[in-house]
Amino acid sequence: MSRDPEPRLVYAPDQPPQPWRNGGGQTRELLLWPAGPDAWQVRISVARIDRSGAFSPFSGVERWFSVLDGAGVVLRIGSRVLKLDPQTAPICFDGGTPPECSLVDGATNDLNLMCRGGHGRLLLAVSGLVWQSSAPQRGLFTRVPGIWRDASDRLVELSADTLLWTTASEGPMVFEARSAAKAPVGYWLAYDPDRP
């Protein structure tokens, strides 16, 4: 019986920051699959927004966005106006219609999931609450230290601000925070390249 592959771990602060062309912030890329600047289907990153302005357009890309820390942002997407902070659920929007972003009170750090083809998901994680997805690629981004466990009772100890990404067989996962913490303790992510 073959063993599921070990999950990939990426510690966000170890990734080099890439300044935006417009000077409005910087991005730390956590995952690009398949590898390559032009061929990717899924991209996960953490971005720091230093000043208000428009997001860059990504035509044909499904974008998920969540505020990690800071006072938050106000996004104007077409006729919608959304105020987001670290306690707000992630949102999804068409990358070809980039929002105008206004900072509420200073810089923010944000989690981004981009999918070119297929379908993604980004959800708040609650300590001890089981999560399951049928997507062939799944993961967790932590905000606090804790223990991740999969259906085979494999345990991985994670520090804060770490992406765990797996292509292991379908099954439930759970994340237990090391200490009492306000939700969210992290974010569940999923990507299915075959789902329209």
C-alpha atoms as a PDB file:
ATOM      1  CA  MET A   1       0.000   0.000   0.000  1.00  0.00           C
ATOM      2  CA  SER A   2       1.531   3.290  -1.098  1.00  0.00           C
ATOM      3  CA  ARG A   3       1.883   6.097   1.424  1.00  0.00           C
ATOM      4  CA  ASP A   4       0.469   9.519   0.661  1.00  0.00           C
ATOM      5  CA  PRO A   5       3.108  12.116  -0.229  1.00  0.00           C
ATOM      6  CA  GLU A   6       4.325  14.310   2.594  1.00  0.00           C
ATOM      7  CA  PRO A   7       2.733  17.753   2.626  1.00  0.00           C
ATOM      8  CA  ARG A   8       4.745  20.694   1.365  1.00  0.00           C
ATOM      9  CA  LEU A   9       5.515  23.352   3.993  1.00  0.00           C
ATOM     10  CA  VAL A  10       6.265  26.986   3.153  1.00  0.00           C
ATOM     11  CA  TYR A  11       7.081  29.530   5.870  1.00  0.00           C
ATOM     12  CA  ALA A  12       5.892  32.917   4.616  1.00  0.00           C
ATOM     13  CA  PRO A  13       8.590  35.129   6.223  1.00  0.00           C
ATOM     14  CA  ASP A  14      11.293  33.050   4.481  1.00  0.00           C
ATOM     15  CA  GLN A  15       9.966  33.947   1.015  1.00  0.00           C
ATOM     16  CA  PRO A  16      11.589  36.991  -0.607  1.00  0.00           C
ATOM     17  CA  PRO A  17       9.276  40.010  -0.978  1.00  0.00           C
ATOM     18  CA  GLN A  18       8.578  41.104  -4.542  1.00  0.00           C
ATOM     19  CA  PRO A  19       7.682  44.810  -4.870  1.00  0.00           C
ATOM     20  CA  TRP A  20       4.641  45.685  -6.954  1.00  0.00           C
ATOM     21  CA  ARG A  21       5.232  47.576 -10.177  1.00  0.00           C
ATOM     22  CA  ASN A  22       2.963  50.400  -8.973  1.00  0.00           C
ATOM     23  CA  GLY A  23       4.826  50.723  -5.672  1.00  0.00           C
ATOM     24  CA  GLY A  24       1.672  50.121  -3.627  1.00  0.00           C
ATOM     25  CA  GLY A  25       2.895  47.038  -1.789  1.00  0.00           C
ATOM     26  CA  GLN A  26       4.797  43.781  -1.985  1.00  0.00           C
ATOM     27  CA  THR A  27       4.055  40.074  -2.376  1.00  0.00           C
ATOM     28  CA  ARG A  28       5.577  36.924  -0.919  1.00  0.00           C
ATOM     29  CA  GLU A  29       4.767  33.988  -3.178  1.00  0.00           C
ATOM     30  CA  LEU A  30       4.026  30.766  -1.291  1.00  0.00           C
ATOM     31  CA  LEU A  31       2.928  28.404  -4.055  1.00  0.00           C
ATOM     32  CA  LEU A  32       2.883  28.402  -7.834  1.00  0.00           C
ATOM     33  CA  TRP A  33       1.534  25.307  -9.602  1.00  0.00           C
ATOM     34  CA  PRO A  34       2.620  24.269 -12.139  1.00  0.00           C
ATOM     35  CA  ALA A  35       5.906  26.094 -11.658  1.00  0.00           C
ATOM     36  CA  GLY A  36       6.637  28.935 -14.041  1.00  0.00           C
ATOM     37  CA  PRO A  37       5.581  32.585 -14.251  1.00  0.00           C
ATOM     38  CA  ASP A  38       3.206  32.073 -17.188  1.00  0.00           C
ATOM     39  CA  ALA A  39       1.938  28.487 -16.943  1.00  0.00           C
ATOM     40  CA  TRP A  40       0.508  28.486 -13.415  1.00  0.00           C
ATOM     41  CA  GLN A  41      -3.026  27.359 -12.622  1.00  0.00           C
ATOM     42  CA  VAL A  42      -2.990  28.097  -8.906  1.00  0.00           C
ATOM     43  CA  ARG A  43      -1.034  30.764  -7.038  1.00  0.00           C
ATOM     44  CA  ILE A  44      -1.022  31.423  -3.301  1.00  0.00           C
ATOM     45  CA  SER A  45       0.634  34.486  -1.845  1.00  0.00           C
ATOM     46  CA  VAL A  46       0.749  36.852   1.091  1.00  0.00           C
ATOM     47  CA  ALA A  47       0.692  40.531   0.174  1.00  0.00           C
ATOM     48  CA  ARG A  48       1.354  43.708   2.118  1.00  0.00           C
ATOM     49  CA  ILE A  49      -0.730  46.659   0.930  1.00  0.00           C
ATOM     50  CA  ASP A  50       1.028  49.902   1.835  1.00  0.00           C
ATOM     51  CA  ARG A  51      -1.243  52.414   0.141  1.00  0.00           C
ATOM     52  CA  SER A  52      -4.698  52.698  -1.403  1.00  0.00           C
ATOM     53  CA  GLY A  53      -5.126  52.015  -5.113  1.00  0.00           C
ATOM     54  CA  ALA A  54      -6.419  49.597  -7.717  1.00  0.00           C
ATOM     55  CA  PHE A  55      -5.528  45.907  -7.737  1.00  0.00           C
ATOM     56  CA  SER A  56      -3.750  44.623 -10.831  1.00  0.00           C
ATOM     57  CA  PRO A  57      -6.024  42.945 -13.412  1.00  0.00           C
ATOM     58  CA  PHE A  58      -5.758  39.168 -13.936  1.00  0.00           C
ATOM     59  CA  SER A  59      -8.056  38.280 -16.813  1.00  0.00           C
ATOM     60  CA  GLY A  60      -9.499  34.756 -16.623  1.00  0.00           C
ATOM     61  CA  VAL A  61      -8.449  34.333 -12.984  1.00  0.00           C
ATOM     62  CA  GLU A  62     -10.711  33.538 -10.032  1.00  0.00           C
ATOM     63  CA  ARG A  63      -9.376  35.516  -7.054  1.00  0.00           C
ATOM     64  CA  TRP A  64      -9.897  34.848  -3.357  1.00  0.00           C
ATOM     65  CA  PHE A  65      -8.829  37.481  -0.826  1.00  0.00           C
ATOM     66  CA  SER A  66      -8.722  37.777   2.961  1.00  0.00           C
ATOM     67  CA  VAL A  67      -7.230  40.331   5.358  1.00  0.00           C
ATOM     68  CA  LEU A  68      -4.709  38.737   7.740  1.00  0.00           C
ATOM     69  CA  ASP A  69      -3.922  41.724   9.941  1.00  0.00           C
ATOM     70  CA  GLY A  70      -4.233  45.473  10.111  1.00  0.00           C
ATOM     71  CA  ALA A  71      -7.337  47.658  10.376  1.00  0.00           C
ATOM     72  CA  GLY A  72      -8.657  46.350   7.058  1.00  0.00           C
ATOM     73  CA  VAL A  73      -9.611  47.559   3.607  1.00  0.00           C
ATOM     74  CA  VAL A  74     -12.612  48.772   1.673  1.00  0.00           C
ATOM     75  CA  LEU A  75     -12.926  47.156  -1.764  1.00  0.00           C
ATOM     76  CA  ARG A  76     -15.070  48.596  -4.541  1.00  0.00           C
ATOM     77  CA  ILE A  77     -15.870  45.840  -7.050  1.00  0.00           C
ATOM     78  CA  GLY A  78     -18.279  47.185  -9.665  1.00  0.00           C
ATOM     79  CA  SER A  79     -21.314  48.338  -7.690  1.00  0.00           C
ATOM     80  CA  ARG A  80     -20.328  46.408  -4.534  1.00  0.00           C
ATOM     81  CA  VAL A  81     -18.566  48.088  -1.605  1.00  0.00           C
ATOM     82  CA  LEU A  82     -17.069  45.650   0.913  1.00  0.00           C
ATOM     83  CA  LYS A  83     -15.300  46.443   4.181  1.00  0.00           C
ATOM     84  CA  LEU A  84     -12.971  43.620   5.216  1.00  0.00           C
ATOM     85  CA  ASP A  85     -10.889  43.039   8.340  1.00  0.00           C
ATOM     86  CA  PRO A  86      -9.154  39.998   9.897  1.00  0.00           C
ATOM     87  CA  GLN A  87     -12.452  38.649  11.274  1.00  0.00           C
ATOM     88  CA  THR A  88     -14.264  38.871   7.908  1.00  0.00           C
ATOM     89  CA  ALA A  89     -14.784  35.763   5.771  1.00  0.00           C
ATOM     90  CA  PRO A  90     -12.688  35.625   2.565  1.00  0.00           C
ATOM     91  CA  ILE A  91     -14.269  36.930  -0.626  1.00  0.00           C
ATOM     92  CA  CYS A  92     -14.074  35.757  -4.237  1.00  0.00           C
ATOM     93  CA  PHE A  93     -14.133  37.986  -7.310  1.00  0.00           C
ATOM     94  CA  ASP A  94     -13.267  38.023 -11.012  1.00  0.00           C
ATOM     95  CA  GLY A  95      -9.612  38.944 -11.454  1.00  0.00           C
ATOM     96  CA  GLY A  96     -10.450  40.599 -14.758  1.00  0.00           C
ATOM     97  CA  THR A  97     -12.464  43.229 -12.862  1.00  0.00           C
ATOM     98  CA  PRO A  98      -9.945  44.376 -10.263  1.00  0.00           C
ATOM     99  CA  PRO A  99     -11.309  46.315  -7.285  1.00  0.00           C
ATOM    100  CA  GLU A 100     -10.301  49.713  -6.031  1.00  0.00           C
ATOM    101  CA  CYS A 101      -8.785  49.255  -2.583  1.00  0.00           C
ATOM    102  CA  SER A 102      -8.837  51.852   0.207  1.00  0.00           C
ATOM    103  CA  LEU A 103      -6.912  51.206   3.408  1.00  0.00           C
ATOM    104  CA  VAL A 104      -8.992  51.782   6.559  1.00  0.00           C
ATOM    105  CA  ASP A 105      -6.105  52.818   8.835  1.00  0.00           C
ATOM    106  CA  GLY A 106      -2.616  51.928   7.663  1.00  0.00           C
ATOM    107  CA  ALA A 107      -1.045  48.975   5.909  1.00  0.00           C
ATOM    108  CA  THR A 108      -2.552  45.475   5.876  1.00  0.00           C
ATOM    109  CA  ASN A 109      -1.260  41.975   5.219  1.00  0.00           C
ATOM    110  CA  ASP A 110      -3.514  39.798   3.089  1.00  0.00           C
ATOM    111  CA  LEU A 111      -3.832  36.210   1.856  1.00  0.00           C
ATOM    112  CA  ASN A 112      -4.479  35.629  -1.843  1.00  0.00           C
ATOM    113  CA  LEU A 113      -5.565  32.513  -3.737  1.00  0.00           C
ATOM    114  CA  MET A 114      -5.640  32.829  -7.538  1.00  0.00           C
ATOM    115  CA  CYS A 115      -6.989  30.110  -9.842  1.00  0.00           C
ATOM    116  CA  ARG A 116      -6.603  30.129 -13.613  1.00  0.00           C
ATOM    117  CA  GLY A 117      -9.023  27.470 -14.794  1.00  0.00           C
ATOM    118  CA  GLY A 118     -10.605  25.090 -12.330  1.00  0.00           C
ATOM    119  CA  HIS A 119     -12.072  26.277  -9.050  1.00  0.00           C
ATOM    120  CA  GLY A 120     -10.650  27.316  -5.694  1.00  0.00           C
ATOM    121  CA  ARG A 121     -11.890  27.793  -2.141  1.00  0.00           C
ATOM    122  CA  LEU A 122     -10.642  29.843   0.793  1.00  0.00           C
ATOM    123  CA  LEU A 123     -12.326  29.457   4.194  1.00  0.00           C
ATOM    124  CA  LEU A 124     -11.712  30.542   7.769  1.00  0.00           C
ATOM    125  CA  ALA A 125     -10.298  27.756   9.949  1.00  0.00           C
ATOM    126  CA  VAL A 126     -11.460  27.254  13.531  1.00  0.00           C
ATOM    127  CA  SER A 127      -9.298  25.378  16.032  1.00  0.00           C
ATOM    128  CA  GLY A 128     -10.445  21.773  16.460  1.00  0.00           C
ATOM    129  CA  LEU A 129     -13.155  21.974  13.796  1.00  0.00           C
ATOM    130  CA  VAL A 130     -12.791  19.238  11.146  1.00  0.00           C
ATOM    131  CA  TRP A 131     -12.638  20.348   7.500  1.00  0.00           C
ATOM    132  CA  GLN A 132     -12.973  18.177   4.393  1.00  0.00           C
ATOM    133  CA  SER A 133     -12.746  18.847   0.667  1.00  0.00           C
ATOM    134  CA  SER A 134     -12.845  16.562  -2.363  1.00  0.00           C
ATOM    135  CA  ALA A 135     -10.418  18.828  -4.263  1.00  0.00           C
ATOM    136  CA  PRO A 136      -7.186  17.043  -5.285  1.00  0.00           C
ATOM    137  CA  GLN A 137      -5.056  19.895  -3.906  1.00  0.00           C
ATOM    138  CA  ARG A 138      -5.733  21.254  -0.426  1.00  0.00           C
ATOM    139  CA  GLY A 139      -3.992  23.081   2.321  1.00  0.00           C
ATOM    140  CA  LEU A 140      -3.899  25.282   5.368  1.00  0.00           C
ATOM    141  CA  PHE A 141      -2.374  28.681   6.062  1.00  0.00           C
ATOM    142  CA  THR A 142      -1.783  29.182   9.777  1.00  0.00           C
ATOM    143  CA  ARG A 143      -2.077  32.392  11.781  1.00  0.00           C
ATOM    144  CA  VAL A 144      -0.976  30.804  15.062  1.00  0.00           C
ATOM    145  CA  PRO A 145       1.192  27.789  15.969  1.00  0.00           C
ATOM    146  CA  GLY A 146      -0.551  24.447  16.179  1.00  0.00           C
ATOM    147  CA  ILE A 147      -0.868  20.839  15.053  1.00  0.00           C
ATOM    148  CA  TRP A 148      -2.352  19.734  11.715  1.00  0.00           C
ATOM    149  CA  ARG A 149      -3.753  16.195  11.479  1.00  0.00           C
ATOM    150  CA  ASP A 150      -5.106  14.284   8.472  1.00  0.00           C
ATOM    151  CA  ALA A 151      -7.401  11.265   8.125  1.00  0.00           C
ATOM    152  CA  SER A 152      -4.498   8.819   8.615  1.00  0.00           C
ATOM    153  CA  ASP A 153      -3.617  10.532  11.936  1.00  0.00           C
ATOM    154  CA  ARG A 154      -0.451  11.977  10.464  1.00  0.00           C
ATOM    155  CA  LEU A 155       0.583  14.961  12.598  1.00  0.00           C
ATOM    156  CA  VAL A 156       2.543  18.020  11.508  1.00  0.00           C
ATOM    157  CA  GLU A 157       3.551  20.753  13.945  1.00  0.00           C
ATOM    158  CA  LEU A 158       3.250  24.163  12.303  1.00  0.00           C
ATOM    159  CA  SER A 159       4.437  27.628  13.257  1.00  0.00           C
ATOM    160  CA  ALA A 160       2.364  30.724  12.554  1.00  0.00           C
ATOM    161  CA  ASP A 161       2.322  32.052   8.963  1.00  0.00           C
ATOM    162  CA  THR A 162       3.011  28.658   7.376  1.00  0.00           C
ATOM    163  CA  LEU A 163       1.370  27.181   4.280  1.00  0.00           C
ATOM    164  CA  LEU A 164       0.836  23.418   4.342  1.00  0.00           C
ATOM    165  CA  TRP A 165      -0.110  22.058   0.885  1.00  0.00           C
ATOM    166  CA  THR A 166      -1.006  18.451   0.110  1.00  0.00           C
ATOM    167  CA  THR A 167      -2.079  16.208  -2.743  1.00  0.00           C
ATOM    168  CA  ALA A 168      -2.774  13.336  -0.348  1.00  0.00           C
ATOM    169  CA  SER A 169      -5.871  11.195  -0.775  1.00  0.00           C
ATOM    170  CA  GLU A 170      -9.207  12.755   0.084  1.00  0.00           C
ATOM    171  CA  GLY A 171     -10.087  12.859   3.756  1.00  0.00           C
ATOM    172  CA  PRO A 172     -10.821  15.158   6.668  1.00  0.00           C
ATOM    173  CA  MET A 173      -8.231  17.451   8.238  1.00  0.00           C
ATOM    174  CA  VAL A 174      -8.144  19.360  11.501  1.00  0.00           C
ATOM    175  CA  PHE A 175      -5.940  22.081  12.979  1.00  0.00           C
ATOM    176  CA  GLU A 176      -5.532  22.447  16.728  1.00  0.00           C
ATOM    177  CA  ALA A 177      -4.126  25.788  17.886  1.00  0.00           C
ATOM    178  CA  ARG A 178      -1.406  25.545  20.544  1.00  0.00           C
ATOM    179  CA  SER A 179      -3.152  28.055  22.794  1.00  0.00           C
ATOM    180  CA  ALA A 180      -6.465  29.834  23.056  1.00  0.00           C
ATOM    181  CA  ALA A 181      -6.777  32.240  20.144  1.00  0.00           C
ATOM    182  CA  LYS A 182      -9.491  34.260  18.542  1.00  0.00           C
ATOM    183  CA  ALA A 183     -10.812  32.815  15.291  1.00  0.00           C
ATOM    184  CA  PRO A 184      -9.591  32.542  12.683  1.00  0.00           C
ATOM    185  CA  VAL A 185      -6.545  30.499  13.630  1.00  0.00           C
ATOM    186  CA  GLY A 186      -5.878  29.995   9.931  1.00  0.00           C
ATOM    187  CA  TYR A 187      -7.435  29.428   6.511  1.00  0.00           C
ATOM    188  CA  TRP A 188      -8.335  26.263   4.624  1.00  0.00           C
ATOM    189  CA  LEU A 189      -7.537  26.366   0.896  1.00  0.00           C
ATOM    190  CA  ALA A 190      -8.537  24.035  -1.932  1.00  0.00           C
ATOM    191  CA  TYR A 191      -8.004  23.863  -5.684  1.00  0.00           C
ATOM    192  CA  ASP A 192      -9.677  21.552  -8.211  1.00  0.00           C
ATOM    193  CA  PRO A 193      -8.232  21.987 -11.741  1.00  0.00           C
ATOM    194  CA  ASP A 194     -11.038  19.900 -13.304  1.00  0.00           C
ATOM    195  CA  ARG A 195     -13.981  21.761 -11.828  1.00  0.00           C
ATOM    196  CA  PRO A 196     -15.249  24.645 -13.996  1.00  0.00           C
END
